[in-house]
Amino acid sequence: QLQASGGGLVQAGGSLRLSCAASGRAFSRYNMAWFRQAPGKEREFVAAIGWTYGRTYYADSVKGRFTISRDNAESTVYLQMNSLKPEDTALYYCAADYNNIRVQYFLGAYEYWGQGTLVTVSS
């Protein structure tokens, strides 16, 4: 089970930190990712972090502004979002893929999903 939090309303140029707390079996063996879905658009990949070496992966649209990290002791994954833009406005979902050697970018690879947390960036 995944519980996302930390969304809110922020002005352009501001920052937010999303959290996703996991419960259940060994969090340390999950690839974790964040996806987002803007109104009227499809859900898209934002960032991911692998369980094997902790490598991180980002969509081009957020590279250099967002940072994904994980705390295995707390079973939590974070998404630090800086220099936010109005186009970052979306419902943000965390997702988990158990015991996969390869980090995937597509929705179907992830077995578990959080409920989503809304990020609104005003101009």
PDB file of N, CA and C in Angstrom:
ATOM      1  N   GLN A   1       0.844  -1.194   0.000  1.00  0.00           N
ATOM      2  CA  GLN A   1       0.000   0.000   0.000  1.00  0.00           C
ATOM      3  C   GLN A   1       0.880   1.245   0.000  1.00  0.00           C
ATOM      4  N   LEU A   2       0.492   2.212  -0.821  1.00  0.00           N
ATOM      5  CA  LEU A   2       1.267   3.435  -0.950  1.00  0.00           C
ATOM      6  C   LEU A   2       0.404   4.626  -0.580  1.00  0.00           C
ATOM      7  N   GLN A   3       0.981   5.532   0.196  1.00  0.00           N
ATOM      8  CA  GLN A   3       0.262   6.719   0.636  1.00  0.00           C
ATOM      9  C   GLN A   3       1.074   7.944   0.274  1.00  0.00           C
ATOM     10  N   ALA A   4       0.579   8.714  -0.715  1.00  0.00           N
ATOM     11  CA  ALA A   4       1.284   9.906  -1.164  1.00  0.00           C
ATOM     12  C   ALA A   4       0.766  11.132  -0.418  1.00  0.00           C
ATOM     13  N   SER A   5       1.671  12.081  -0.202  1.00  0.00           N
ATOM     14  CA  SER A   5       1.300  13.322   0.472  1.00  0.00           C
ATOM     15  C   SER A   5       2.259  14.424   0.056  1.00  0.00           C
ATOM     16  N   GLY A   6       1.927  15.662   0.451  1.00  0.00           N
ATOM     17  CA  GLY A   6       2.823  16.777   0.223  1.00  0.00           C
ATOM     18  C   GLY A   6       2.408  17.731  -0.879  1.00  0.00           C
ATOM     19  N   GLY A   7       1.352  17.409  -1.599  1.00  0.00           N
ATOM     20  CA  GLY A   7       0.890  18.303  -2.643  1.00  0.00           C
ATOM     21  C   GLY A   7       0.305  19.588  -2.070  1.00  0.00           C
ATOM     22  N   GLY A   8       0.076  20.553  -2.948  1.00  0.00           N
ATOM     23  CA  GLY A   8      -0.491  21.818  -2.508  1.00  0.00           C
ATOM     24  C   GLY A   8      -0.446  22.849  -3.603  1.00  0.00           C
ATOM     25  N   LEU A   9      -0.729  24.078  -3.210  1.00  0.00           N
ATOM     26  CA  LEU A   9      -0.725  25.208  -4.133  1.00  0.00           C
ATOM     27  C   LEU A   9       0.552  26.012  -3.910  1.00  0.00           C
ATOM     28  N   VAL A  10       1.267  26.290  -4.989  1.00  0.00           N
ATOM     29  CA  VAL A  10       2.522  27.032  -4.896  1.00  0.00           C
ATOM     30  C   VAL A  10       2.631  27.957  -6.092  1.00  0.00           C
ATOM     31  N   GLN A  11       3.330  29.067  -5.904  1.00  0.00           N
ATOM     32  CA  GLN A  11       3.554  29.983  -7.018  1.00  0.00           C
ATOM     33  C   GLN A  11       4.667  29.466  -7.913  1.00  0.00           C
ATOM     34  N   ALA A  12       4.637  29.888  -9.154  1.00  0.00           N
ATOM     35  CA  ALA A  12       5.702  29.526 -10.091  1.00  0.00           C
ATOM     36  C   ALA A  12       7.051  29.935  -9.510  1.00  0.00           C
ATOM     37  N   GLY A  13       8.026  29.045  -9.647  1.00  0.00           N
ATOM     38  CA  GLY A  13       9.345  29.279  -9.088  1.00  0.00           C
ATOM     39  C   GLY A  13       9.525  28.710  -7.692  1.00  0.00           C
ATOM     40  N   GLY A  14       8.428  28.287  -7.093  1.00  0.00           N
ATOM     41  CA  GLY A  14       8.481  27.740  -5.748  1.00  0.00           C
ATOM     42  C   GLY A  14       8.856  26.275  -5.728  1.00  0.00           C
ATOM     43  N   SER A  15       8.798  25.702  -4.514  1.00  0.00           N
ATOM     44  CA  SER A  15       9.204  24.317  -4.306  1.00  0.00           C
ATOM     45  C   SER A  15       8.159  23.568  -3.495  1.00  0.00           C
ATOM     46  N   LEU A  16       8.124  22.270  -3.719  1.00  0.00           N
ATOM     47  CA  LEU A  16       7.313  21.356  -2.914  1.00  0.00           C
ATOM     48  C   LEU A  16       8.084  20.056  -2.784  1.00  0.00           C
ATOM     49  N   ARG A  17       7.793  19.335  -1.710  1.00  0.00           N
ATOM     50  CA  ARG A  17       8.372  18.012  -1.514  1.00  0.00           C
ATOM     51  C   ARG A  17       7.251  17.008  -1.306  1.00  0.00           C
ATOM     52  N   LEU A  18       7.177  16.059  -2.213  1.00  0.00           N
ATOM     53  CA  LEU A  18       6.188  14.999  -2.099  1.00  0.00           C
ATOM     54  C   LEU A  18       6.809  13.810  -1.372  1.00  0.00           C
ATOM     55  N   SER A  19       5.966  13.117  -0.627  1.00  0.00           N
ATOM     56  CA  SER A  19       6.387  11.908   0.066  1.00  0.00           C
ATOM     57  C   SER A  19       5.444  10.772  -0.303  1.00  0.00           C
ATOM     58  N   CYS A  20       5.975   9.565  -0.284  1.00  0.00           N
ATOM     59  CA  CYS A  20       5.160   8.387  -0.523  1.00  0.00           C
ATOM     60  C   CYS A  20       5.611   7.307   0.444  1.00  0.00           C
ATOM     61  N   ALA A  21       4.756   7.006   1.395  1.00  0.00           N
ATOM     62  CA  ALA A  21       5.065   6.007   2.409  1.00  0.00           C
ATOM     63  C   ALA A  21       4.492   4.661   1.988  1.00  0.00           C
ATOM     64  N   ALA A  22       5.312   3.629   2.106  1.00  0.00           N
ATOM     65  CA  ALA A  22       4.904   2.290   1.698  1.00  0.00           C
ATOM     66  C   ALA A  22       4.734   1.384   2.899  1.00  0.00           C
ATOM     67  N   SER A  23       3.817   0.468   2.783  1.00  0.00           N
ATOM     68  CA  SER A  23       3.650  -0.558   3.806  1.00  0.00           C
ATOM     69  C   SER A  23       3.607  -1.906   3.096  1.00  0.00           C
ATOM     70  N   GLY A  24       3.935  -2.937   3.833  1.00  0.00           N
ATOM     71  CA  GLY A  24       3.938  -4.252   3.221  1.00  0.00           C
ATOM     72  C   GLY A  24       5.338  -4.832   3.153  1.00  0.00           C
ATOM     73  N   ARG A  25       5.575  -5.701   2.182  1.00  0.00           N
ATOM     74  CA  ARG A  25       6.841  -6.422   2.138  1.00  0.00           C
ATOM     75  C   ARG A  25       7.983  -5.543   1.650  1.00  0.00           C
ATOM     76  N   ALA A  26       9.166  -6.035   1.756  1.00  0.00           N
ATOM     77  CA  ALA A  26      10.455  -5.365   1.661  1.00  0.00           C
ATOM     78  C   ALA A  26      10.508  -4.188   0.688  1.00  0.00           C
ATOM     79  N   PHE A  27      10.381  -3.009   1.221  1.00  0.00           N
ATOM     80  CA  PHE A  27      10.431  -1.777   0.419  1.00  0.00           C
ATOM     81  C   PHE A  27      11.743  -1.674  -0.334  1.00  0.00           C
ATOM     82  N   SER A  28      12.807  -2.172   0.253  1.00  0.00           N
ATOM     83  CA  SER A  28      14.133  -2.015  -0.348  1.00  0.00           C
ATOM     84  C   SER A  28      14.276  -2.740  -1.672  1.00  0.00           C
ATOM     85  N   ARG A  29      13.345  -3.620  -2.006  1.00  0.00           N
ATOM     86  CA  ARG A  29      13.424  -4.366  -3.261  1.00  0.00           C
ATOM     87  C   ARG A  29      12.433  -3.853  -4.313  1.00  0.00           C
ATOM     88  N   TYR A  30      11.932  -2.655  -4.086  1.00  0.00           N
ATOM     89  CA  TYR A  30      11.017  -2.054  -5.060  1.00  0.00           C
ATOM     90  C   TYR A  30      11.723  -0.951  -5.837  1.00  0.00           C
ATOM     91  N   ASN A  31      11.554  -0.954  -7.144  1.00  0.00           N
ATOM     92  CA  ASN A  31      11.805   0.257  -7.910  1.00  0.00           C
ATOM     93  C   ASN A  31      10.624   1.187  -7.622  1.00  0.00           C
ATOM     94  N   MET A  32      10.927   2.439  -7.341  1.00  0.00           N
ATOM     95  CA  MET A  32       9.872   3.400  -7.022  1.00  0.00           C
ATOM     96  C   MET A  32       9.854   4.508  -8.065  1.00  0.00           C
ATOM     97  N   ALA A  33       8.661   4.979  -8.376  1.00  0.00           N
ATOM     98  CA  ALA A  33       8.542   6.005  -9.410  1.00  0.00           C
ATOM     99  C   ALA A  33       7.436   6.993  -9.058  1.00  0.00           C
ATOM    100  N   TRP A  34       7.530   8.134  -9.685  1.00  0.00           N
ATOM    101  CA  TRP A  34       6.472   9.133  -9.661  1.00  0.00           C
ATOM    102  C   TRP A  34       5.969   9.343 -11.089  1.00  0.00           C
ATOM    103  N   PHE A  35       4.664   9.367 -11.215  1.00  0.00           N
ATOM    104  CA  PHE A  35       4.000   9.716 -12.460  1.00  0.00           C
ATOM    105  C   PHE A  35       3.092  10.903 -12.166  1.00  0.00           C
ATOM    106  N   ARG A  36       2.630  11.562 -13.221  1.00  0.00           N
ATOM    107  CA  ARG A  36       1.679  12.654 -13.004  1.00  0.00           C
ATOM    108  C   ARG A  36       0.659  12.676 -14.140  1.00  0.00           C
ATOM    109  N   GLN A  37      -0.486  13.235 -13.817  1.00  0.00           N
ATOM    110  CA  GLN A  37      -1.550  13.336 -14.805  1.00  0.00           C
ATOM    111  C   GLN A  37      -2.188  14.712 -14.702  1.00  0.00           C
ATOM    112  N   ALA A  38      -2.005  15.488 -15.752  1.00  0.00           N
ATOM    113  CA  ALA A  38      -2.608  16.811 -15.825  1.00  0.00           C
ATOM    114  C   ALA A  38      -4.029  16.687 -16.369  1.00  0.00           C
ATOM    115  N   PRO A  39      -4.874  17.658 -16.102  1.00  0.00           N
ATOM    116  CA  PRO A  39      -6.258  17.595 -16.591  1.00  0.00           C
ATOM    117  C   PRO A  39      -6.315  17.422 -18.103  1.00  0.00           C
ATOM    118  N   GLY A  40      -7.069  16.438 -18.538  1.00  0.00           N
ATOM    119  CA  GLY A  40      -7.243  16.207 -19.968  1.00  0.00           C
ATOM    120  C   GLY A  40      -6.074  15.530 -20.658  1.00  0.00           C
ATOM    121  N   LYS A  41      -5.085  15.104 -19.880  1.00  0.00           N
ATOM    122  CA  LYS A  41      -3.904  14.464 -20.472  1.00  0.00           C
ATOM    123  C   LYS A  41      -3.707  13.068 -19.896  1.00  0.00           C
ATOM    124  N   GLU A  42      -2.859  12.305 -20.566  1.00  0.00           N
ATOM    125  CA  GLU A  42      -2.547  10.965 -20.095  1.00  0.00           C
ATOM    126  C   GLU A  42      -1.534  11.038 -18.954  1.00  0.00           C
ATOM    127  N   ARG A  43      -1.539   9.988 -18.146  1.00  0.00           N
ATOM    128  CA  ARG A  43      -0.558   9.900 -17.071  1.00  0.00           C
ATOM    129  C   ARG A  43       0.829   9.715 -17.687  1.00  0.00           C
ATOM    130  N   GLU A  44       1.815  10.434 -17.145  1.00  0.00           N
ATOM    131  CA  GLU A  44       3.153  10.377 -17.721  1.00  0.00           C
ATOM    132  C   GLU A  44       4.208  10.141 -16.645  1.00  0.00           C
ATOM    133  N   PHE A  45       5.292   9.580 -17.076  1.00  0.00           N
ATOM    134  CA  PHE A  45       6.440   9.307 -16.200  1.00  0.00           C
ATOM    135  C   PHE A  45       7.114  10.610 -15.790  1.00  0.00           C
ATOM    136  N   VAL A  46       7.505  10.702 -14.519  1.00  0.00           N
ATOM    137  CA  VAL A  46       8.223  11.872 -14.017  1.00  0.00           C
ATOM    138  C   VAL A  46       9.634  11.496 -13.575  1.00  0.00           C
ATOM    139  N   ALA A  47       9.737  10.513 -12.685  1.00  0.00           N
ATOM    140  CA  ALA A  47      11.049  10.137 -12.138  1.00  0.00           C
ATOM    141  C   ALA A  47      10.959   8.748 -11.530  1.00  0.00           C
ATOM    142  N   ALA A  48      12.108   8.083 -11.443  1.00  0.00           N
ATOM    143  CA  ALA A  48      12.165   6.759 -10.830  1.00  0.00           C
ATOM    144  C   ALA A  48      13.505   6.568 -10.155  1.00  0.00           C
ATOM    145  N   ILE A  49      13.522   5.655  -9.176  1.00  0.00           N
ATOM    146  CA  ILE A  49      14.754   5.301  -8.486  1.00  0.00           C
ATOM    147  C   ILE A  49      14.787   3.802  -8.326  1.00  0.00           C
ATOM    148  N   GLY A  50      15.916   3.200  -8.714  1.00  0.00           N
ATOM    149  CA  GLY A  50      16.037   1.757  -8.679  1.00  0.00           C
ATOM    150  C   GLY A  50      16.354   1.232  -7.297  1.00  0.00           C
ATOM    151  N   TRP A  51      16.020  -0.067  -7.080  1.00  0.00           N
ATOM    152  CA  TRP A  51      16.277  -0.654  -5.768  1.00  0.00           C
ATOM    153  C   TRP A  51      17.675  -1.246  -5.666  1.00  0.00           C
ATOM    154  N   THR A  52      18.292  -1.592  -6.806  1.00  0.00           N
ATOM    155  CA  THR A  52      19.574  -2.282  -6.755  1.00  0.00           C
ATOM    156  C   THR A  52      20.726  -1.333  -6.404  1.00  0.00           C
ATOM    157  N   TYR A  53      20.835  -0.236  -7.133  1.00  0.00           N
ATOM    158  CA  TYR A  53      21.944   0.688  -6.906  1.00  0.00           C
ATOM    159  C   TYR A  53      21.488   2.102  -6.571  1.00  0.00           C
ATOM    160  N   GLY A  54      20.186   2.304  -6.518  1.00  0.00           N
ATOM    161  CA  GLY A  54      19.675   3.637  -6.218  1.00  0.00           C
ATOM    162  C   GLY A  54      19.834   4.627  -7.352  1.00  0.00           C
ATOM    163  N   ARG A  55      19.988   4.119  -8.570  1.00  0.00           N
ATOM    164  CA  ARG A  55      20.119   5.030  -9.702  1.00  0.00           C
ATOM    165  C   ARG A  55      18.801   5.746  -9.944  1.00  0.00           C
ATOM    166  N   THR A  56      18.918   6.970 -10.434  1.00  0.00           N
ATOM    167  CA  THR A  56      17.730   7.800 -10.660  1.00  0.00           C
ATOM    168  C   THR A  56      17.534   8.091 -12.146  1.00  0.00           C
ATOM    169  N   TYR A  57      16.296   8.302 -12.509  1.00  0.00           N
ATOM    170  CA  TYR A  57      15.916   8.524 -13.894  1.00  0.00           C
ATOM    171  C   TYR A  57      14.841   9.615 -13.902  1.00  0.00           C
ATOM    172  N   TYR A  58      14.913  10.484 -14.920  1.00  0.00           N
ATOM    173  CA  TYR A  58      13.996  11.612 -14.968  1.00  0.00           C
ATOM    174  C   TYR A  58      13.452  11.834 -16.376  1.00  0.00           C
ATOM    175  N   ALA A  59      12.241  12.326 -16.430  1.00  0.00           N
ATOM    176  CA  ALA A  59      11.709  12.829 -17.695  1.00  0.00           C
ATOM    177  C   ALA A  59      12.464  14.102 -18.051  1.00  0.00           C
ATOM    178  N   ASP A  60      12.623  14.347 -19.326  1.00  0.00           N
ATOM    179  CA  ASP A  60      13.358  15.530 -19.771  1.00  0.00           C
ATOM    180  C   ASP A  60      12.733  16.811 -19.236  1.00  0.00           C
ATOM    181  N   SER A  61      11.431  16.812 -19.087  1.00  0.00           N
ATOM    182  CA  SER A  61      10.715  18.020 -18.677  1.00  0.00           C
ATOM    183  C   SER A  61      11.010  18.428 -17.236  1.00  0.00           C
ATOM    184  N   VAL A  62      11.542  17.514 -16.429  1.00  0.00           N
ATOM    185  CA  VAL A  62      11.797  17.841 -15.020  1.00  0.00           C
ATOM    186  C   VAL A  62      13.274  17.730 -14.653  1.00  0.00           C
ATOM    187  N   LYS A  63      14.071  17.279 -15.573  1.00  0.00           N
ATOM    188  CA  LYS A  63      15.499  17.092 -15.294  1.00  0.00           C
ATOM    189  C   LYS A  63      16.127  18.409 -14.854  1.00  0.00           C
ATOM    190  N   GLY A  64      16.890  18.334 -13.768  1.00  0.00           N
ATOM    191  CA  GLY A  64      17.536  19.536 -13.254  1.00  0.00           C
ATOM    192  C   GLY A  64      16.686  20.327 -12.280  1.00  0.00           C
ATOM    193  N   ARG A  65      15.403  19.996 -12.198  1.00  0.00           N
ATOM    194  CA  ARG A  65      14.499  20.712 -11.272  1.00  0.00           C
ATOM    195  C   ARG A  65      13.961  19.785 -10.186  1.00  0.00           C
ATOM    196  N   PHE A  66      13.734  18.530 -10.530  1.00  0.00           N
ATOM    197  CA  PHE A  66      13.169  17.570  -9.580  1.00  0.00           C
ATOM    198  C   PHE A  66      14.260  16.580  -9.155  1.00  0.00           C
ATOM    199  N   THR A  67      14.141  16.105  -7.925  1.00  0.00           N
ATOM    200  CA  THR A  67      15.061  15.098  -7.411  1.00  0.00           C
ATOM    201  C   THR A  67      14.264  14.017  -6.690  1.00  0.00           C
ATOM    202  N   ILE A  68      14.462  12.772  -7.110  1.00  0.00           N
ATOM    203  CA  ILE A  68      13.824  11.646  -6.432  1.00  0.00           C
ATOM    204  C   ILE A  68      14.840  11.010  -5.496  1.00  0.00           C
ATOM    205  N   SER A  69      14.365  10.593  -4.330  1.00  0.00           N
ATOM    206  CA  SER A  69      15.245   9.929  -3.371  1.00  0.00           C
ATOM    207  C   SER A  69      14.408   8.930  -2.575  1.00  0.00           C
ATOM    208  N   ARG A  70      15.112   8.072  -1.836  1.00  0.00           N
ATOM    209  CA  ARG A  70      14.403   7.070  -1.049  1.00  0.00           C
ATOM    210  C   ARG A  70      15.080   6.880   0.290  1.00  0.00           C
ATOM    211  N   ASP A  71      14.300   6.515   1.267  1.00  0.00           N
ATOM    212  CA  ASP A  71      14.797   6.169   2.594  1.00  0.00           C
ATOM    213  C   ASP A  71      14.251   4.782   2.897  1.00  0.00           C
ATOM    214  N   ASN A  72      15.081   3.776   2.719  1.00  0.00           N
ATOM    215  CA  ASN A  72      14.605   2.398   2.905  1.00  0.00           C
ATOM    216  C   ASN A  72      14.248   2.114   4.363  1.00  0.00           C
ATOM    217  N   ALA A  73      14.926   2.743   5.275  1.00  0.00           N
ATOM    218  CA  ALA A  73      14.619   2.528   6.688  1.00  0.00           C
ATOM    219  C   ALA A  73      13.220   3.041   7.036  1.00  0.00           C
ATOM    220  N   GLU A  74      12.796   4.096   6.340  1.00  0.00           N
ATOM    221  CA  GLU A  74      11.476   4.676   6.582  1.00  0.00           C
ATOM    222  C   GLU A  74      10.439   4.205   5.557  1.00  0.00           C
ATOM    223  N   SER A  75      10.885   3.366   4.605  1.00  0.00           N
ATOM    224  CA  SER A  75       9.985   2.872   3.540  1.00  0.00           C
ATOM    225  C   SER A  75       9.267   4.019   2.843  1.00  0.00           C
ATOM    226  N   THR A  76      10.047   5.018   2.497  1.00  0.00           N
ATOM    227  CA  THR A  76       9.470   6.227   1.913  1.00  0.00           C
ATOM    228  C   THR A  76      10.298   6.679   0.717  1.00  0.00           C
ATOM    229  N   VAL A  77       9.611   7.151  -0.295  1.00  0.00           N
ATOM    230  CA  VAL A  77      10.263   7.766  -1.450  1.00  0.00           C
ATOM    231  C   VAL A  77       9.802   9.217  -1.507  1.00  0.00           C
ATOM    232  N   TYR A  78      10.713  10.078  -1.936  1.00  0.00           N
ATOM    233  CA  TYR A  78      10.447  11.518  -1.967  1.00  0.00           C
ATOM    234  C   TYR A  78      10.624  12.057  -3.382  1.00  0.00           C
ATOM    235  N   LEU A  79       9.951  13.163  -3.643  1.00  0.00           N
ATOM    236  CA  LEU A  79      10.167  13.903  -4.875  1.00  0.00           C
ATOM    237  C   LEU A  79      10.285  15.374  -4.502  1.00  0.00           C
ATOM    238  N   GLN A  80      11.510  15.868  -4.550  1.00  0.00           N
ATOM    239  CA  GLN A  80      11.758  17.285  -4.295  1.00  0.00           C
ATOM    240  C   GLN A  80      11.583  18.032  -5.611  1.00  0.00           C
ATOM    241  N   MET A  81      10.681  18.994  -5.614  1.00  0.00           N
ATOM    242  CA  MET A  81      10.358  19.714  -6.843  1.00  0.00           C
ATOM    243  C   MET A  81      10.710  21.189  -6.648  1.00  0.00           C
ATOM    244  N   ASN A  82      11.671  21.657  -7.422  1.00  0.00           N
ATOM    245  CA  ASN A  82      12.105  23.043  -7.364  1.00  0.00           C
ATOM    246  C   ASN A  82      11.790  23.746  -8.678  1.00  0.00           C
ATOM    247  N   SER A  83      11.841  25.062  -8.648  1.00  0.00           N
ATOM    248  CA  SER A  83      11.601  25.866  -9.853  1.00  0.00           C
ATOM    249  C   SER A  83      10.329  25.416 -10.563  1.00  0.00           C
ATOM    250  N   LEU A  84       9.280  25.282  -9.814  1.00  0.00           N
ATOM    251  CA  LEU A  84       8.035  24.768 -10.371  1.00  0.00           C
ATOM    252  C   LEU A  84       7.439  25.718 -11.399  1.00  0.00           C
ATOM    253  N   LYS A  85       6.798  25.130 -12.388  1.00  0.00           N
ATOM    254  CA  LYS A  85       6.183  25.866 -13.487  1.00  0.00           C
ATOM    255  C   LYS A  85       4.692  25.543 -13.531  1.00  0.00           C
ATOM    256  N   PRO A  86       3.894  26.414 -14.092  1.00  0.00           N
ATOM    257  CA  PRO A  86       2.455  26.112 -14.204  1.00  0.00           C
ATOM    258  C   PRO A  86       2.183  24.794 -14.910  1.00  0.00           C
ATOM    259  N   GLU A  87       3.036  24.426 -15.847  1.00  0.00           N
ATOM    260  CA  GLU A  87       2.838  23.162 -16.573  1.00  0.00           C
ATOM    261  C   GLU A  87       3.146  21.936 -15.721  1.00  0.00           C
ATOM    262  N   ASP A  88       3.649  22.126 -14.518  1.00  0.00           N
ATOM    263  CA  ASP A  88       3.846  21.017 -13.589  1.00  0.00           C
ATOM    264  C   ASP A  88       2.569  20.691 -12.829  1.00  0.00           C
ATOM    265  N   THR A  89       1.539  21.505 -13.004  1.00  0.00           N
ATOM    266  CA  THR A  89       0.266  21.261 -12.331  1.00  0.00           C
ATOM    267  C   THR A  89      -0.315  19.921 -12.764  1.00  0.00           C
ATOM    268  N   ALA A  90      -0.578  19.067 -11.782  1.00  0.00           N
ATOM    269  CA  ALA A  90      -1.066  17.710 -12.081  1.00  0.00           C
ATOM    270  C   ALA A  90      -1.356  16.984 -10.777  1.00  0.00           C
ATOM    271  N   LEU A  91      -1.991  15.847 -10.935  1.00  0.00           N
ATOM    272  CA  LEU A  91      -2.127  14.896  -9.831  1.00  0.00           C
ATOM    273  C   LEU A  91      -0.903  13.986  -9.910  1.00  0.00           C
ATOM    274  N   TYR A  92      -0.150  13.918  -8.820  1.00  0.00           N
ATOM    275  CA  TYR A  92       1.081  13.134  -8.787  1.00  0.00           C
ATOM    276  C   TYR A  92       0.856  11.808  -8.072  1.00  0.00           C
ATOM    277  N   TYR A  93       1.270  10.734  -8.720  1.00  0.00           N
ATOM    278  CA  TYR A  93       1.100   9.392  -8.190  1.00  0.00           C
ATOM    279  C   TYR A  93       2.460   8.749  -7.945  1.00  0.00           C
ATOM    280  N   CYS A  94       2.587   8.054  -6.822  1.00  0.00           N
ATOM    281  CA  CYS A  94       3.762   7.213  -6.644  1.00  0.00           C
ATOM    282  C   CYS A  94       3.383   5.783  -7.036  1.00  0.00           C
ATOM    283  N   ALA A  95       4.401   5.033  -7.462  1.00  0.00           N
ATOM    284  CA  ALA A  95       4.170   3.681  -7.946  1.00  0.00           C
ATOM    285  C   ALA A  95       5.344   2.798  -7.574  1.00  0.00           C
ATOM    286  N   ALA A  96       5.070   1.499  -7.447  1.00  0.00           N
ATOM    287  CA  ALA A  96       6.098   0.555  -7.016  1.00  0.00           C
ATOM    288  C   ALA A  96       6.117  -0.662  -7.921  1.00  0.00           C
ATOM    289  N   ASP A  97       7.334  -1.112  -8.233  1.00  0.00           N
ATOM    290  CA  ASP A  97       7.565  -2.287  -9.077  1.00  0.00           C
ATOM    291  C   ASP A  97       8.501  -3.204  -8.311  1.00  0.00           C
ATOM    292  N   TYR A  98       7.991  -4.383  -7.960  1.00  0.00           N
ATOM    293  CA  TYR A  98       8.735  -5.253  -7.046  1.00  0.00           C
ATOM    294  C   TYR A  98       9.798  -6.089  -7.754  1.00  0.00           C
ATOM    295  N   ASN A  99      11.029  -5.989  -7.246  1.00  0.00           N
ATOM    296  CA  ASN A  99      12.095  -6.936  -7.564  1.00  0.00           C
ATOM    297  C   ASN A  99      12.452  -6.991  -9.050  1.00  0.00           C
ATOM    298  N   ASN A 100      12.332  -5.886  -9.729  1.00  0.00           N
ATOM    299  CA  ASN A 100      12.677  -5.829 -11.147  1.00  0.00           C
ATOM    300  C   ASN A 100      14.075  -5.254 -11.281  1.00  0.00           C
ATOM    301  N   ILE A 101      14.933  -5.966 -12.005  1.00  0.00           N
ATOM    302  CA  ILE A 101      16.307  -5.506 -12.171  1.00  0.00           C
ATOM    303  C   ILE A 101      16.352  -4.193 -12.964  1.00  0.00           C
ATOM    304  N   ARG A 102      15.448  -4.055 -13.910  1.00  0.00           N
ATOM    305  CA  ARG A 102      15.429  -2.882 -14.774  1.00  0.00           C
ATOM    306  C   ARG A 102      14.359  -1.892 -14.316  1.00  0.00           C
ATOM    307  N   VAL A 103      14.714  -0.649 -14.262  1.00  0.00           N
ATOM    308  CA  VAL A 103      13.749   0.403 -13.963  1.00  0.00           C
ATOM    309  C   VAL A 103      12.974   0.719 -15.233  1.00  0.00           C
ATOM    310  N   GLN A 104      11.652   0.713 -15.114  1.00  0.00           N
ATOM    311  CA  GLN A 104      10.789   0.911 -16.270  1.00  0.00           C
ATOM    312  C   GLN A 104      10.174   2.308 -16.256  1.00  0.00           C
ATOM    313  N   TYR A 105       9.777   2.760 -17.431  1.00  0.00           N
ATOM    314  CA  TYR A 105       9.208   4.087 -17.580  1.00  0.00           C
ATOM    315  C   TYR A 105       7.715   4.060 -17.903  1.00  0.00           C
ATOM    316  N   PHE A 106       7.155   2.889 -18.121  1.00  0.00           N
ATOM    317  CA  PHE A 106       5.766   2.827 -18.532  1.00  0.00           C
ATOM    318  C   PHE A 106       4.873   2.340 -17.391  1.00  0.00           C
ATOM    319  N   LEU A 107       3.628   2.786 -17.425  1.00  0.00           N
ATOM    320  CA  LEU A 107       2.694   2.561 -16.319  1.00  0.00           C
ATOM    321  C   LEU A 107       2.490   1.073 -16.010  1.00  0.00           C
ATOM    322  N   GLY A 108       2.408   0.282 -17.050  1.00  0.00           N
ATOM    323  CA  GLY A 108       2.058  -1.120 -16.868  1.00  0.00           C
ATOM    324  C   GLY A 108       3.061  -1.927 -16.076  1.00  0.00           C
ATOM    325  N   ALA A 109       4.275  -1.404 -15.935  1.00  0.00           N
ATOM    326  CA  ALA A 109       5.311  -2.128 -15.209  1.00  0.00           C
ATOM    327  C   ALA A 109       5.108  -2.062 -13.699  1.00  0.00           C
ATOM    328  N   TYR A 110       4.308  -1.139 -13.236  1.00  0.00           N
ATOM    329  CA  TYR A 110       4.178  -0.878 -11.799  1.00  0.00           C
ATOM    330  C   TYR A 110       2.910  -1.519 -11.256  1.00  0.00           C
ATOM    331  N   GLU A 111       3.112  -2.393 -10.234  1.00  0.00           N
ATOM    332  CA  GLU A 111       1.990  -3.166  -9.696  1.00  0.00           C
ATOM    333  C   GLU A 111       1.171  -2.397  -8.674  1.00  0.00           C
ATOM    334  N   TYR A 112       1.816  -1.474  -7.985  1.00  0.00           N
ATOM    335  CA  TYR A 112       1.159  -0.794  -6.879  1.00  0.00           C
ATOM    336  C   TYR A 112       1.177   0.716  -7.096  1.00  0.00           C
ATOM    337  N   TRP A 113       0.072   1.342  -6.738  1.00  0.00           N
ATOM    338  CA  TRP A 113      -0.093   2.779  -6.957  1.00  0.00           C
ATOM    339  C   TRP A 113      -0.652   3.447  -5.713  1.00  0.00           C
ATOM    340  N   GLY A 114      -0.170   4.653  -5.472  1.00  0.00           N
ATOM    341  CA  GLY A 114      -0.755   5.481  -4.430  1.00  0.00           C
ATOM    342  C   GLY A 114      -1.993   6.181  -4.948  1.00  0.00           C
ATOM    343  N   GLN A 115      -2.629   6.943  -4.064  1.00  0.00           N
ATOM    344  CA  GLN A 115      -3.911   7.553  -4.405  1.00  0.00           C
ATOM    345  C   GLN A 115      -3.768   8.883  -5.136  1.00  0.00           C
ATOM    346  N   GLY A 116      -2.566   9.422  -5.188  1.00  0.00           N
ATOM    347  CA  GLY A 116      -2.357  10.692  -5.875  1.00  0.00           C
ATOM    348  C   GLY A 116      -2.415  11.871  -4.930  1.00  0.00           C
ATOM    349  N   THR A 117      -1.579  12.846  -5.194  1.00  0.00           N
ATOM    350  CA  THR A 117      -1.582  14.095  -4.439  1.00  0.00           C
ATOM    351  C   THR A 117      -1.510  15.244  -5.443  1.00  0.00           C
ATOM    352  N   LEU A 118      -2.348  16.251  -5.239  1.00  0.00           N
ATOM    353  CA  LEU A 118      -2.511  17.317  -6.232  1.00  0.00           C
ATOM    354  C   LEU A 118      -1.492  18.424  -6.035  1.00  0.00           C
ATOM    355  N   VAL A 119      -0.811  18.749  -7.112  1.00  0.00           N
ATOM    356  CA  VAL A 119       0.120  19.873  -7.142  1.00  0.00           C
ATOM    357  C   VAL A 119      -0.434  20.924  -8.098  1.00  0.00           C
ATOM    358  N   THR A 120      -0.602  22.134  -7.603  1.00  0.00           N
ATOM    359  CA  THR A 120      -1.097  23.228  -8.419  1.00  0.00           C
ATOM    360  C   THR A 120      -0.085  24.363  -8.373  1.00  0.00           C
ATOM    361  N   VAL A 121       0.385  24.762  -9.556  1.00  0.00           N
ATOM    362  CA  VAL A 121       1.369  25.830  -9.644  1.00  0.00           C
ATOM    363  C   VAL A 121       0.721  27.025 -10.324  1.00  0.00           C
ATOM    364  N   SER A 122       0.650  28.131  -9.613  1.00  0.00           N
ATOM    365  CA  SER A 122       0.027  29.327 -10.163  1.00  0.00           C
ATOM    366  C   SER A 122       1.071  30.223 -10.822  1.00  0.00           C
ATOM    367  N   SER A 123       0.649  30.920 -11.856  1.00  0.00           N
ATOM    368  CA  SER A 123       1.589  31.782 -12.589  1.00  0.00           C
ATOM    369  C   SER A 123       1.622  33.183 -12.009  1.00  0.00           C
TER     370      SER A 123
END
